[in-house]
Amino acid sequence: MSKKTILLIDDQPVMGILLKSKLENDFNVEIKHNGQEAITWIMEGNIPDGVVLDLNMPEMNGVEFIREVRKFNYFDKVPLIVLSGEEGVNSRIEAFQEGADDFLIKPFNPAELTVRINRFFDRYNFHQK
């Protein structure tokens, strides 16, 4: 079975490299540095199996990205997991209202992120049977 592809969107290169190193044993990881760059990659015909994204980014933030991709039918079953250093409940509420599936507050354990991603994939595969 081939690895699923995770689109990782974070404007901080160090965070992207760190997360990629933790996730690439289980997944193919494509890194983009803002929502607009990620949308361009998607519009080129690339469809990830899951998306992990930062909330605060230049050009197109996480909420704007979620709002944009949820317009596409094929993104209905793509889990979107938000990462943020913001602990305020309003950020989480807004992300969930726009279509986020999960929300982790930085700092977090990368193993927890892997478990959460796999949980979404297991649930999706279960419902496809």
N, C-alpha and C. Protein backbone atom coordinates (compact mmCIF):
# COMPACT_ATOMS: atom_id res chain seq x y z
N MET A 1 0.84 -1.18 0.00
CA MET A 1 0.00 0.00 0.00
C MET A 1 0.88 1.24 0.00
N SER A 2 0.58 2.20 -0.86
CA SER A 2 1.41 3.40 -0.96
C SER A 2 1.09 4.37 0.18
N LYS A 3 2.06 5.19 0.49
CA LYS A 3 1.89 6.18 1.55
C LYS A 3 0.90 7.24 1.12
N LYS A 4 0.13 7.72 2.06
CA LYS A 4 -0.78 8.84 1.81
C LYS A 4 0.04 10.13 1.81
N THR A 5 -0.46 11.13 1.10
CA THR A 5 0.24 12.41 1.00
C THR A 5 -0.39 13.43 1.94
N ILE A 6 0.46 14.04 2.74
CA ILE A 6 0.04 15.11 3.64
C ILE A 6 0.58 16.43 3.09
N LEU A 7 -0.30 17.39 2.93
CA LEU A 7 0.10 18.75 2.57
C LEU A 7 0.31 19.50 3.87
N LEU A 8 1.53 19.94 4.10
CA LEU A 8 1.89 20.67 5.31
C LEU A 8 2.08 22.13 4.95
N ILE A 9 1.29 23.00 5.57
CA ILE A 9 1.35 24.43 5.26
C ILE A 9 1.76 25.19 6.51
N ASP A 10 2.95 25.76 6.48
CA ASP A 10 3.45 26.53 7.61
C ASP A 10 4.46 27.54 7.10
N ASP A 11 4.35 28.77 7.53
CA ASP A 11 5.24 29.82 7.04
C ASP A 11 6.61 29.81 7.72
N GLN A 12 6.78 29.00 8.75
CA GLN A 12 8.06 28.93 9.44
C GLN A 12 8.83 27.70 8.94
N PRO A 13 9.91 27.92 8.18
CA PRO A 13 10.65 26.80 7.59
C PRO A 13 11.12 25.76 8.60
N VAL A 14 11.54 26.21 9.79
CA VAL A 14 12.02 25.26 10.79
C VAL A 14 10.90 24.31 11.22
N MET A 15 9.70 24.84 11.40
CA MET A 15 8.55 24.00 11.78
C MET A 15 8.24 23.01 10.66
N GLY A 16 8.29 23.47 9.41
CA GLY A 16 8.03 22.58 8.29
C GLY A 16 9.02 21.44 8.22
N ILE A 17 10.29 21.75 8.38
CA ILE A 17 11.34 20.73 8.33
C ILE A 17 11.19 19.75 9.49
N LEU A 18 10.92 20.27 10.68
CA LEU A 18 10.75 19.41 11.86
C LEU A 18 9.57 18.46 11.67
N LEU A 19 8.43 19.01 11.27
CA LEU A 19 7.24 18.17 11.09
C LEU A 19 7.43 17.16 9.97
N LYS A 20 8.05 17.58 8.88
CA LYS A 20 8.30 16.65 7.78
C LYS A 20 9.15 15.49 8.26
N SER A 21 10.19 15.78 9.03
CA SER A 21 11.06 14.71 9.52
C SER A 21 10.31 13.73 10.43
N LYS A 22 9.32 14.23 11.16
CA LYS A 22 8.54 13.37 12.05
C LYS A 22 7.45 12.59 11.30
N LEU A 23 6.94 13.15 10.22
CA LEU A 23 5.82 12.53 9.50
C LEU A 23 6.24 11.64 8.33
N GLU A 24 7.44 11.87 7.77
CA GLU A 24 7.79 11.21 6.52
C GLU A 24 8.01 9.71 6.63
N ASN A 25 8.11 9.16 7.83
CA ASN A 25 8.17 7.70 7.94
C ASN A 25 6.83 7.07 7.59
N ASP A 26 5.75 7.79 7.86
CA ASP A 26 4.40 7.26 7.63
C ASP A 26 3.72 7.84 6.39
N PHE A 27 4.14 9.03 5.96
CA PHE A 27 3.44 9.74 4.89
C PHE A 27 4.42 10.38 3.92
N ASN A 28 3.96 10.63 2.70
CA ASN A 28 4.65 11.55 1.80
C ASN A 28 4.24 12.94 2.26
N VAL A 29 5.19 13.85 2.38
CA VAL A 29 4.89 15.18 2.89
C VAL A 29 5.29 16.23 1.86
N GLU A 30 4.35 17.07 1.51
CA GLU A 30 4.58 18.21 0.60
C GLU A 30 4.46 19.47 1.44
N ILE A 31 5.50 20.30 1.45
CA ILE A 31 5.51 21.52 2.26
C ILE A 31 5.22 22.74 1.40
N LYS A 32 4.32 23.58 1.87
CA LYS A 32 4.05 24.89 1.28
C LYS A 32 4.11 25.91 2.41
N HIS A 33 4.43 27.17 2.07
CA HIS A 33 4.70 28.16 3.10
C HIS A 33 3.56 29.13 3.39
N ASN A 34 2.49 29.04 2.64
CA ASN A 34 1.30 29.84 2.94
C ASN A 34 0.12 29.24 2.18
N GLY A 35 -1.06 29.70 2.53
CA GLY A 35 -2.27 29.16 1.92
C GLY A 35 -2.33 29.37 0.42
N GLN A 36 -1.87 30.51 -0.05
CA GLN A 36 -1.92 30.79 -1.49
C GLN A 36 -1.02 29.83 -2.27
N GLU A 37 0.17 29.59 -1.75
CA GLU A 37 1.09 28.64 -2.38
C GLU A 37 0.46 27.25 -2.42
N ALA A 38 -0.23 26.88 -1.36
CA ALA A 38 -0.89 25.57 -1.30
C ALA A 38 -2.04 25.48 -2.30
N ILE A 39 -2.83 26.55 -2.42
CA ILE A 39 -3.94 26.57 -3.38
C ILE A 39 -3.39 26.41 -4.80
N THR A 40 -2.30 27.10 -5.11
CA THR A 40 -1.68 26.99 -6.43
C THR A 40 -1.27 25.55 -6.70
N TRP A 41 -0.65 24.90 -5.72
CA TRP A 41 -0.23 23.50 -5.86
C TRP A 41 -1.44 22.60 -6.12
N ILE A 42 -2.53 22.84 -5.41
CA ILE A 42 -3.76 22.06 -5.59
C ILE A 42 -4.34 22.30 -6.97
N MET A 43 -4.37 23.56 -7.41
CA MET A 43 -4.94 23.89 -8.72
C MET A 43 -4.12 23.30 -9.87
N GLU A 44 -2.88 22.92 -9.59
CA GLU A 44 -2.04 22.25 -10.59
C GLU A 44 -2.39 20.76 -10.70
N GLY A 45 -3.40 20.32 -9.95
CA GLY A 45 -3.86 18.94 -10.04
C GLY A 45 -3.43 18.03 -8.91
N ASN A 46 -2.81 18.59 -7.90
CA ASN A 46 -2.36 17.80 -6.76
C ASN A 46 -3.44 17.78 -5.69
N ILE A 47 -3.85 16.59 -5.27
CA ILE A 47 -4.86 16.49 -4.22
C ILE A 47 -4.26 15.67 -3.08
N PRO A 48 -4.05 16.31 -1.93
CA PRO A 48 -3.48 15.57 -0.80
C PRO A 48 -4.54 14.69 -0.14
N ASP A 49 -4.07 13.72 0.62
CA ASP A 49 -4.98 12.88 1.40
C ASP A 49 -5.36 13.55 2.71
N GLY A 50 -4.52 14.46 3.17
CA GLY A 50 -4.77 15.20 4.40
C GLY A 50 -3.97 16.49 4.39
N VAL A 51 -4.42 17.45 5.19
CA VAL A 51 -3.74 18.75 5.26
C VAL A 51 -3.49 19.08 6.73
N VAL A 52 -2.26 19.49 7.02
CA VAL A 52 -1.89 20.01 8.33
C VAL A 52 -1.44 21.44 8.09
N LEU A 53 -2.09 22.39 8.75
CA LEU A 53 -1.78 23.78 8.44
C LEU A 53 -1.72 24.66 9.67
N ASP A 54 -0.84 25.65 9.58
CA ASP A 54 -0.73 26.67 10.60
C ASP A 54 -1.89 27.63 10.43
N LEU A 55 -2.25 28.30 11.50
CA LEU A 55 -3.36 29.25 11.44
C LEU A 55 -2.90 30.62 10.96
N ASN A 56 -1.79 31.09 11.49
CA ASN A 56 -1.31 32.44 11.18
C ASN A 56 -0.19 32.39 10.15
N MET A 57 -0.53 32.81 8.92
CA MET A 57 0.44 32.82 7.83
C MET A 57 0.20 34.05 6.98
N PRO A 58 1.24 34.51 6.27
CA PRO A 58 1.04 35.65 5.36
C PRO A 58 0.31 35.22 4.09
N GLU A 59 -0.16 36.18 3.36
CA GLU A 59 -0.83 36.02 2.05
C GLU A 59 -2.20 35.37 2.15
N MET A 60 -2.29 34.20 2.74
CA MET A 60 -3.58 33.54 2.96
C MET A 60 -3.44 32.73 4.25
N ASN A 61 -4.18 33.13 5.29
CA ASN A 61 -4.04 32.43 6.56
C ASN A 61 -4.78 31.10 6.55
N GLY A 62 -4.68 30.37 7.64
CA GLY A 62 -5.28 29.04 7.71
C GLY A 62 -6.78 29.02 7.53
N VAL A 63 -7.48 29.96 8.16
CA VAL A 63 -8.94 30.01 8.04
C VAL A 63 -9.34 30.32 6.60
N GLU A 64 -8.64 31.24 5.96
CA GLU A 64 -8.94 31.57 4.56
C GLU A 64 -8.69 30.36 3.65
N PHE A 65 -7.62 29.61 3.93
CA PHE A 65 -7.33 28.41 3.16
C PHE A 65 -8.46 27.38 3.32
N ILE A 66 -8.87 27.15 4.56
CA ILE A 66 -9.94 26.18 4.82
C ILE A 66 -11.21 26.60 4.08
N ARG A 67 -11.56 27.85 4.19
CA ARG A 67 -12.76 28.37 3.53
C ARG A 67 -12.69 28.13 2.02
N GLU A 68 -11.52 28.34 1.44
CA GLU A 68 -11.34 28.19 -0.01
C GLU A 68 -11.43 26.73 -0.44
N VAL A 69 -10.72 25.83 0.23
CA VAL A 69 -10.70 24.43 -0.23
C VAL A 69 -12.00 23.70 0.06
N ARG A 70 -12.73 24.11 1.07
CA ARG A 70 -14.00 23.45 1.37
C ARG A 70 -15.05 23.74 0.29
N LYS A 71 -14.76 24.67 -0.62
CA LYS A 71 -15.66 24.93 -1.75
C LYS A 71 -15.60 23.79 -2.77
N PHE A 72 -14.50 23.04 -2.78
CA PHE A 72 -14.32 21.96 -3.75
C PHE A 72 -14.88 20.66 -3.18
N ASN A 73 -15.75 19.99 -3.95
CA ASN A 73 -16.38 18.75 -3.48
C ASN A 73 -15.36 17.69 -3.08
N TYR A 74 -14.27 17.58 -3.84
CA TYR A 74 -13.30 16.53 -3.54
C TYR A 74 -12.56 16.77 -2.24
N PHE A 75 -12.72 17.94 -1.63
CA PHE A 75 -12.10 18.19 -0.33
C PHE A 75 -13.03 17.86 0.84
N ASP A 76 -14.22 17.33 0.54
CA ASP A 76 -15.15 16.95 1.61
C ASP A 76 -14.57 15.91 2.55
N LYS A 77 -13.79 15.00 2.01
CA LYS A 77 -13.27 13.90 2.81
C LYS A 77 -11.77 14.04 3.11
N VAL A 78 -11.21 15.19 2.85
CA VAL A 78 -9.80 15.44 3.16
C VAL A 78 -9.73 16.08 4.55
N PRO A 79 -9.13 15.39 5.53
CA PRO A 79 -9.06 15.98 6.86
C PRO A 79 -8.13 17.19 6.90
N LEU A 80 -8.58 18.23 7.58
CA LEU A 80 -7.81 19.46 7.75
C LEU A 80 -7.52 19.62 9.24
N ILE A 81 -6.25 19.57 9.59
CA ILE A 81 -5.83 19.68 10.98
C ILE A 81 -5.06 20.98 11.15
N VAL A 82 -5.56 21.83 12.03
CA VAL A 82 -4.98 23.16 12.25
C VAL A 82 -3.99 23.10 13.42
N LEU A 83 -2.86 23.78 13.24
CA LEU A 83 -1.86 23.96 14.29
C LEU A 83 -1.80 25.44 14.61
N SER A 84 -1.74 25.76 15.89
CA SER A 84 -1.66 27.18 16.24
C SER A 84 -1.04 27.38 17.61
N GLY A 85 -0.34 28.49 17.74
CA GLY A 85 0.17 28.90 19.03
C GLY A 85 -0.86 29.69 19.82
N GLU A 86 -1.96 30.02 19.17
CA GLU A 86 -3.04 30.76 19.83
C GLU A 86 -3.88 29.82 20.68
N GLU A 87 -4.00 30.15 21.95
CA GLU A 87 -4.78 29.30 22.84
C GLU A 87 -6.21 29.78 23.00
N GLY A 88 -6.54 30.92 22.44
CA GLY A 88 -7.89 31.46 22.58
C GLY A 88 -8.93 30.60 21.90
N VAL A 89 -10.07 30.48 22.52
CA VAL A 89 -11.15 29.64 22.00
C VAL A 89 -11.72 30.20 20.70
N ASN A 90 -11.65 31.51 20.50
CA ASN A 90 -12.23 32.10 19.29
C ASN A 90 -11.55 31.59 18.01
N SER A 91 -10.24 31.41 18.06
CA SER A 91 -9.52 30.88 16.90
C SER A 91 -9.98 29.47 16.57
N ARG A 92 -10.15 28.65 17.61
CA ARG A 92 -10.61 27.28 17.39
C ARG A 92 -12.03 27.26 16.84
N ILE A 93 -12.89 28.08 17.41
CA ILE A 93 -14.29 28.13 16.95
C ILE A 93 -14.34 28.53 15.48
N GLU A 94 -13.60 29.58 15.11
CA GLU A 94 -13.61 30.04 13.72
C GLU A 94 -13.09 28.95 12.78
N ALA A 95 -12.01 28.28 13.17
CA ALA A 95 -11.45 27.22 12.33
C ALA A 95 -12.46 26.09 12.15
N PHE A 96 -13.11 25.68 13.22
CA PHE A 96 -14.10 24.60 13.12
C PHE A 96 -15.32 25.03 12.32
N GLN A 97 -15.75 26.27 12.48
CA GLN A 97 -16.90 26.76 11.72
C GLN A 97 -16.63 26.75 10.22
N GLU A 98 -15.39 26.98 9.83
CA GLU A 98 -15.03 27.01 8.41
C GLU A 98 -14.76 25.63 7.83
N GLY A 99 -14.62 24.61 8.70
CA GLY A 99 -14.45 23.26 8.18
C GLY A 99 -13.24 22.50 8.66
N ALA A 100 -12.51 23.03 9.65
CA ALA A 100 -11.38 22.27 10.21
C ALA A 100 -11.91 21.02 10.89
N ASP A 101 -11.13 19.96 10.83
CA ASP A 101 -11.51 18.70 11.46
C ASP A 101 -10.88 18.52 12.84
N ASP A 102 -9.76 19.17 13.06
CA ASP A 102 -9.07 19.03 14.34
C ASP A 102 -8.21 20.27 14.55
N PHE A 103 -7.75 20.46 15.79
CA PHE A 103 -7.00 21.66 16.15
C PHE A 103 -6.01 21.27 17.24
N LEU A 104 -4.74 21.50 17.01
CA LEU A 104 -3.70 21.26 18.01
C LEU A 104 -3.02 22.57 18.36
N ILE A 105 -2.79 22.77 19.64
CA ILE A 105 -2.12 23.99 20.10
C ILE A 105 -0.63 23.71 20.24
N LYS A 106 0.18 24.60 19.64
CA LYS A 106 1.64 24.50 19.74
C LYS A 106 2.07 24.93 21.14
N PRO A 107 3.07 24.31 21.71
CA PRO A 107 3.79 23.15 21.21
C PRO A 107 2.97 21.87 21.43
N PHE A 108 3.21 20.88 20.60
CA PHE A 108 2.50 19.61 20.70
C PHE A 108 3.49 18.49 20.40
N ASN A 109 3.10 17.28 20.71
CA ASN A 109 3.94 16.13 20.45
C ASN A 109 3.67 15.64 19.02
N PRO A 110 4.68 15.57 18.16
CA PRO A 110 4.46 15.11 16.79
C PRO A 110 3.83 13.71 16.71
N ALA A 111 4.10 12.87 17.70
CA ALA A 111 3.47 11.54 17.71
C ALA A 111 1.96 11.66 17.84
N GLU A 112 1.50 12.64 18.60
CA GLU A 112 0.06 12.87 18.72
C GLU A 112 -0.53 13.29 17.38
N LEU A 113 0.18 14.13 16.65
CA LEU A 113 -0.29 14.55 15.33
C LEU A 113 -0.41 13.34 14.40
N THR A 114 0.58 12.46 14.41
CA THR A 114 0.53 11.26 13.57
C THR A 114 -0.67 10.40 13.93
N VAL A 115 -0.93 10.23 15.21
CA VAL A 115 -2.08 9.43 15.65
C VAL A 115 -3.38 10.06 15.18
N ARG A 116 -3.49 11.37 15.30
CA ARG A 116 -4.71 12.06 14.87
C ARG A 116 -4.92 11.93 13.36
N ILE A 117 -3.86 12.07 12.59
CA ILE A 117 -3.97 11.92 11.14
C ILE A 117 -4.45 10.51 10.80
N ASN A 118 -3.82 9.51 11.40
CA ASN A 118 -4.20 8.12 11.13
C ASN A 118 -5.63 7.82 11.56
N ARG A 119 -6.07 8.44 12.64
CA ARG A 119 -7.45 8.26 13.10
C ARG A 119 -8.43 8.71 12.02
N PHE A 120 -8.16 9.85 11.39
CA PHE A 120 -9.03 10.32 10.30
C PHE A 120 -9.01 9.36 9.12
N PHE A 121 -7.84 8.88 8.75
CA PHE A 121 -7.74 7.94 7.63
C PHE A 121 -8.46 6.63 7.94
N ASP A 122 -8.31 6.12 9.16
CA ASP A 122 -8.99 4.89 9.55
C ASP A 122 -10.51 5.07 9.50
N ARG A 123 -10.98 6.19 9.98
CA ARG A 123 -12.42 6.47 9.98
C ARG A 123 -12.94 6.58 8.55
N TYR A 124 -12.19 7.25 7.68
CA TYR A 124 -12.61 7.39 6.28
C TYR A 124 -12.64 6.03 5.60
N ASN A 125 -11.60 5.22 5.80
CA ASN A 125 -11.54 3.89 5.19
C ASN A 125 -12.66 3.00 5.71
N PHE A 126 -12.98 3.10 6.99
CA PHE A 126 -14.06 2.31 7.57
C PHE A 126 -15.39 2.64 6.89
N HIS A 127 -15.65 3.91 6.67
CA HIS A 127 -16.91 4.33 6.07
C HIS A 127 -16.99 4.02 4.59
N GLN A 128 -15.85 3.75 3.95
CA GLN A 128 -15.84 3.43 2.52
C GLN A 128 -16.16 1.95 2.26
N LYS A 129 -16.10 1.13 3.32
CA LYS A 129 -16.33 -0.32 3.15
C LYS A 129 -17.81 -0.63 3.04
